């Protein structure tokens, strides 16, 4: 099996506001060795689209690294869900002129727009409605906006694995605002903060490097370049 980049945190999950600092991560098992030698990535192209839900094909030019090969410890189903979520966010924009309703409240809508997605940090921290063609109804999804890479875990990986300059990959630990944006993987029949789940997509808009966490920021897997 091809090696894949994994970063692990020892702390408990941070609150959704991401305002608390987390301790430095530990790398579990033999993956500590992989991290020391550079966190090798499987350079395998291609696309896997077997989820049966909407927008399963990643946009042109994405997934140039690992997206066809689930890393060790990640099931094919979980990997497919991450790819589908990344594809969804890459191809949806916020429509501030249209709303969806749930429990007497209104929520802005997300509209499909190929290649024009990835809403930014300023419009995060709220729920959005969108039409889900696979089940023919409106669903709701949340994205948190700013992901504070307090310890510089993702910035460190970008700089060391991809030689990204510090000016494009940095953490809040150096006094600057993190560039990373977080998006939920799972969608729901109605907004429900308590039931959002643990899975998130994290992306650096400066570089396009995209990660997935299945355990609420304790472990990160490099997903691809979007």
Protein backbone atom coordinates (compact mmCIF):
# COMPACT_ATOMS: atom_id res chain seq x y z
CA UNK A 1 0.00 0.00 0.00
CA UNK A 2 1.27 3.44 -0.88
CA UNK A 3 2.19 5.62 2.11
CA UNK A 4 0.04 8.64 2.85
CA UNK A 5 0.52 11.73 4.96
CA UNK A 6 -1.06 11.55 8.41
CA UNK A 7 -0.92 14.12 11.21
CA UNK A 8 -2.30 13.18 14.63
CA UNK A 9 -3.28 15.38 17.57
CA UNK A 10 -3.20 14.23 21.17
CA UNK A 11 -5.79 16.70 22.40
CA UNK A 12 -9.52 16.37 22.76
CA UNK A 13 -11.60 17.90 19.93
CA UNK A 14 -11.67 21.67 20.02
CA UNK A 15 -15.01 23.53 20.10
CA UNK A 16 -16.53 24.50 16.79
CA UNK A 17 -15.31 28.07 17.23
CA UNK A 18 -11.73 26.77 17.06
CA UNK A 19 -10.71 29.37 19.61
CA UNK A 20 -8.87 27.03 21.97
CA UNK A 21 -5.28 26.08 21.30
CA UNK A 22 -4.47 22.40 20.93
CA UNK A 23 -1.28 20.68 22.11
CA UNK A 24 1.35 19.53 19.67
CA UNK A 25 0.36 16.38 17.76
CA UNK A 26 1.77 12.90 18.22
CA UNK A 27 2.21 10.59 15.26
CA UNK A 28 0.93 7.10 15.94
CA UNK A 29 2.75 3.85 15.19
CA UNK A 30 4.95 3.44 12.14
CA UNK A 31 3.60 6.69 10.67
CA UNK A 32 6.00 8.58 12.96
CA UNK A 33 8.78 7.27 10.73
CA UNK A 34 6.98 8.42 7.60
CA UNK A 35 6.62 11.90 9.05
CA UNK A 36 10.30 12.11 9.89
CA UNK A 37 11.37 11.21 6.38
CA UNK A 38 9.03 13.71 4.80
CA UNK A 39 5.46 12.34 5.06
CA UNK A 40 5.59 10.56 1.72
CA UNK A 41 2.51 10.80 -0.45
CA UNK A 42 1.22 8.39 -3.04
CA UNK A 43 1.52 10.20 -6.35
CA UNK A 44 -1.33 8.44 -8.07
CA UNK A 45 -3.74 10.26 -10.37
CA UNK A 46 -7.23 9.30 -11.35
CA UNK A 47 -10.75 9.64 -10.06
CA UNK A 48 -13.01 7.26 -8.17
CA UNK A 49 -16.71 8.02 -8.31
CA UNK A 50 -18.83 5.28 -6.82
CA UNK A 51 -20.92 7.02 -4.18
CA UNK A 52 -24.08 7.39 -6.25
CA UNK A 53 -24.72 10.90 -4.97
CA UNK A 54 -24.55 14.21 -6.74
CA UNK A 55 -21.36 15.72 -8.17
CA UNK A 56 -19.19 12.65 -7.65
CA UNK A 57 -16.57 13.60 -10.26
CA UNK A 58 -13.85 15.97 -9.00
CA UNK A 59 -13.27 19.13 -11.04
CA UNK A 60 -10.61 19.21 -13.73
CA UNK A 61 -7.08 19.38 -12.36
CA UNK A 62 -7.92 18.24 -8.84
CA UNK A 63 -6.89 15.09 -7.00
CA UNK A 64 -3.41 14.90 -8.48
CA UNK A 65 -1.98 12.95 -5.54
CA UNK A 66 -3.84 10.40 -3.42
CA UNK A 67 -7.50 10.61 -4.24
CA UNK A 68 -7.79 7.15 -5.82
CA UNK A 69 -6.09 5.36 -2.92
CA UNK A 70 -7.50 5.42 0.61
CA UNK A 71 -4.61 5.69 3.08
CA UNK A 72 -4.08 3.00 5.67
CA UNK A 73 -6.80 2.95 8.30
CA UNK A 74 -9.35 4.78 6.11
CA UNK A 75 -12.15 2.81 4.48
CA UNK A 76 -13.07 3.20 0.84
CA UNK A 77 -16.48 4.51 1.91
CA UNK A 78 -14.95 7.22 4.12
CA UNK A 79 -12.45 8.17 1.41
CA UNK A 80 -15.22 8.41 -1.18
CA UNK A 81 -17.24 10.61 1.19
CA UNK A 82 -14.30 12.99 1.55
CA UNK A 83 -13.79 13.15 -2.23
CA UNK A 84 -17.47 13.78 -2.78
CA UNK A 85 -17.52 16.54 -0.16
CA UNK A 86 -14.44 18.22 -1.63
CA UNK A 87 -16.04 18.05 -5.05
CA UNK A 88 -19.28 19.49 -3.69
CA UNK A 89 -17.58 22.50 -2.10
CA UNK A 90 -15.39 23.04 -5.17
CA UNK A 91 -18.52 23.41 -7.30
CA UNK A 92 -20.98 25.34 -5.12
CA UNK A 93 -21.36 29.04 -4.39
CA UNK A 94 -23.53 30.92 -1.91
CA UNK A 95 -26.68 32.53 -3.29
CA UNK A 96 -27.48 35.37 -0.90
CA UNK A 97 -30.70 36.08 -2.80
CA UNK A 98 -32.32 32.69 -2.19
CA UNK A 99 -33.17 30.89 1.03
CA UNK A 100 -34.25 27.49 2.29
CA UNK A 101 -36.51 27.07 5.31
CA UNK A 102 -36.31 24.67 8.23
CA UNK A 103 -38.14 24.83 11.55
CA UNK A 104 -39.40 28.33 10.83
CA UNK A 105 -35.95 29.74 10.05
CA UNK A 106 -34.40 30.74 6.75
CA UNK A 107 -30.95 29.76 5.52
CA UNK A 108 -29.03 30.98 2.49
CA UNK A 109 -28.75 28.54 -0.37
CA UNK A 110 -25.79 26.94 -2.10
CA UNK A 111 -26.04 26.76 -5.90
CA UNK A 112 -24.02 24.55 -8.20
CA UNK A 113 -21.45 26.46 -10.23
CA UNK A 114 -18.76 24.29 -11.77
CA UNK A 115 -15.26 25.31 -10.75
CA UNK A 116 -16.38 28.44 -8.88
CA UNK A 117 -16.91 27.06 -5.39
CA UNK A 118 -14.94 26.92 -2.14
CA UNK A 119 -16.70 29.72 -0.20
CA UNK A 120 -14.21 31.74 1.82
CA UNK A 121 -13.59 32.40 5.49
CA UNK A 122 -15.84 35.42 5.89
CA UNK A 123 -19.06 33.62 5.00
CA UNK A 124 -18.55 30.59 7.23
CA UNK A 125 -19.83 29.57 10.65
CA UNK A 126 -23.41 28.92 9.52
CA UNK A 127 -25.75 26.43 7.89
CA UNK A 128 -26.75 26.47 4.21
CA UNK A 129 -29.49 24.73 2.29
CA UNK A 130 -29.03 23.14 -1.12
CA UNK A 131 -30.92 20.86 -3.47
CA UNK A 132 -29.68 17.27 -3.31
CA UNK A 133 -30.55 15.59 -6.64
CA UNK A 134 -29.81 12.07 -5.43
CA UNK A 135 -32.74 12.17 -3.00
CA UNK A 136 -34.76 14.94 -4.66
CA UNK A 137 -35.07 17.25 -1.66
CA UNK A 138 -33.41 20.16 0.11
CA UNK A 139 -30.62 19.20 2.50
CA UNK A 140 -28.52 21.32 4.85
CA UNK A 141 -24.77 21.50 5.31
CA UNK A 142 -22.53 23.54 7.57
CA UNK A 143 -19.15 25.09 7.05
CA UNK A 144 -17.13 26.78 9.72
CA UNK A 145 -15.12 29.36 7.82
CA UNK A 146 -11.75 29.96 9.49
CA UNK A 147 -9.79 26.92 10.61
CA UNK A 148 -7.19 28.17 13.07
CA UNK A 149 -4.07 26.14 12.44
CA UNK A 150 -2.82 27.21 15.86
CA UNK A 151 0.05 24.75 16.12
CA UNK A 152 1.03 25.12 12.49
CA UNK A 153 0.47 21.42 11.76
CA UNK A 154 -0.92 21.91 8.27
CA UNK A 155 1.38 24.84 7.52
CA UNK A 156 4.35 22.71 8.56
CA UNK A 157 3.23 19.91 6.26
CA UNK A 158 2.72 22.24 3.30
CA UNK A 159 6.08 23.90 3.74
CA UNK A 160 8.01 20.68 4.20
CA UNK A 161 6.18 18.38 1.80
CA UNK A 162 5.30 20.81 -0.98
CA UNK A 163 7.88 23.57 -0.39
CA UNK A 164 5.13 26.16 0.01
CA UNK A 165 6.62 29.48 1.15
CA UNK A 166 5.72 30.61 4.66
CA UNK A 167 3.89 33.62 3.22
CA UNK A 168 1.27 31.24 1.74
CA UNK A 169 1.10 28.60 4.48
CA UNK A 170 1.22 29.96 8.01
CA UNK A 171 -0.49 29.56 11.38
CA UNK A 172 -2.04 31.87 13.94
CA UNK A 173 0.89 31.08 16.20
CA UNK A 174 3.00 33.67 14.39
CA UNK A 175 0.47 36.45 14.82
CA UNK A 176 -1.20 36.16 11.41
CA UNK A 177 -4.63 34.85 10.53
CA UNK A 178 -4.60 31.28 9.28
CA UNK A 179 -5.56 30.96 5.60
CA UNK A 180 -7.33 27.60 6.12
CA UNK A 181 -11.06 27.15 5.64
CA UNK A 182 -13.09 24.25 7.05
CA UNK A 183 -16.14 22.59 5.50
CA UNK A 184 -18.35 19.77 6.75
CA UNK A 185 -18.40 16.43 4.98
CA UNK A 186 -21.87 15.32 6.06
CA UNK A 187 -25.20 16.85 5.08
CA UNK A 188 -28.47 16.66 7.02
CA UNK A 189 -32.22 16.85 6.60
CA UNK A 190 -32.29 19.90 8.89
CA UNK A 191 -29.73 22.13 10.63
CA UNK A 192 -28.50 20.43 13.78
CA UNK A 193 -25.31 21.63 15.46
CA UNK A 194 -25.32 18.70 17.86
CA UNK A 195 -25.47 16.20 15.02
CA UNK A 196 -22.88 17.57 12.60
CA UNK A 197 -20.53 14.63 13.04
CA UNK A 198 -16.72 14.68 13.21
CA UNK A 199 -15.70 14.77 9.56
CA UNK A 200 -14.28 17.95 8.03
CA UNK A 201 -12.54 19.13 4.88
CA UNK A 202 -9.73 21.66 5.47
CA UNK A 203 -8.32 23.67 2.55
CA UNK A 204 -5.70 26.36 2.06
CA UNK A 205 -7.11 28.69 -0.63
CA UNK A 206 -3.63 30.13 -1.20
CA UNK A 207 -2.30 26.78 -2.39
CA UNK A 208 -5.29 24.51 -3.09
CA UNK A 209 -3.91 21.83 -0.77
CA UNK A 210 -6.81 20.02 0.82
CA UNK A 211 -7.03 17.70 3.82
CA UNK A 212 -9.71 15.58 5.49
CA UNK A 213 -10.14 14.76 9.16
CA UNK A 214 -12.51 12.01 10.27
CA UNK A 215 -12.05 12.53 14.03
CA UNK A 216 -12.51 16.27 14.49
CA UNK A 217 -8.97 17.52 13.94
CA UNK A 218 -7.11 14.76 15.78
CA UNK A 219 -5.84 13.19 12.53
CA UNK A 220 -5.41 14.77 9.10
CA UNK A 221 -5.03 13.02 5.74
CA UNK A 222 -3.85 14.80 2.65
CA UNK A 223 -6.68 14.53 0.13
CA UNK A 224 -5.33 16.26 -2.96
CA UNK A 225 -4.90 19.59 -4.70
CA UNK A 226 -8.11 21.44 -5.55
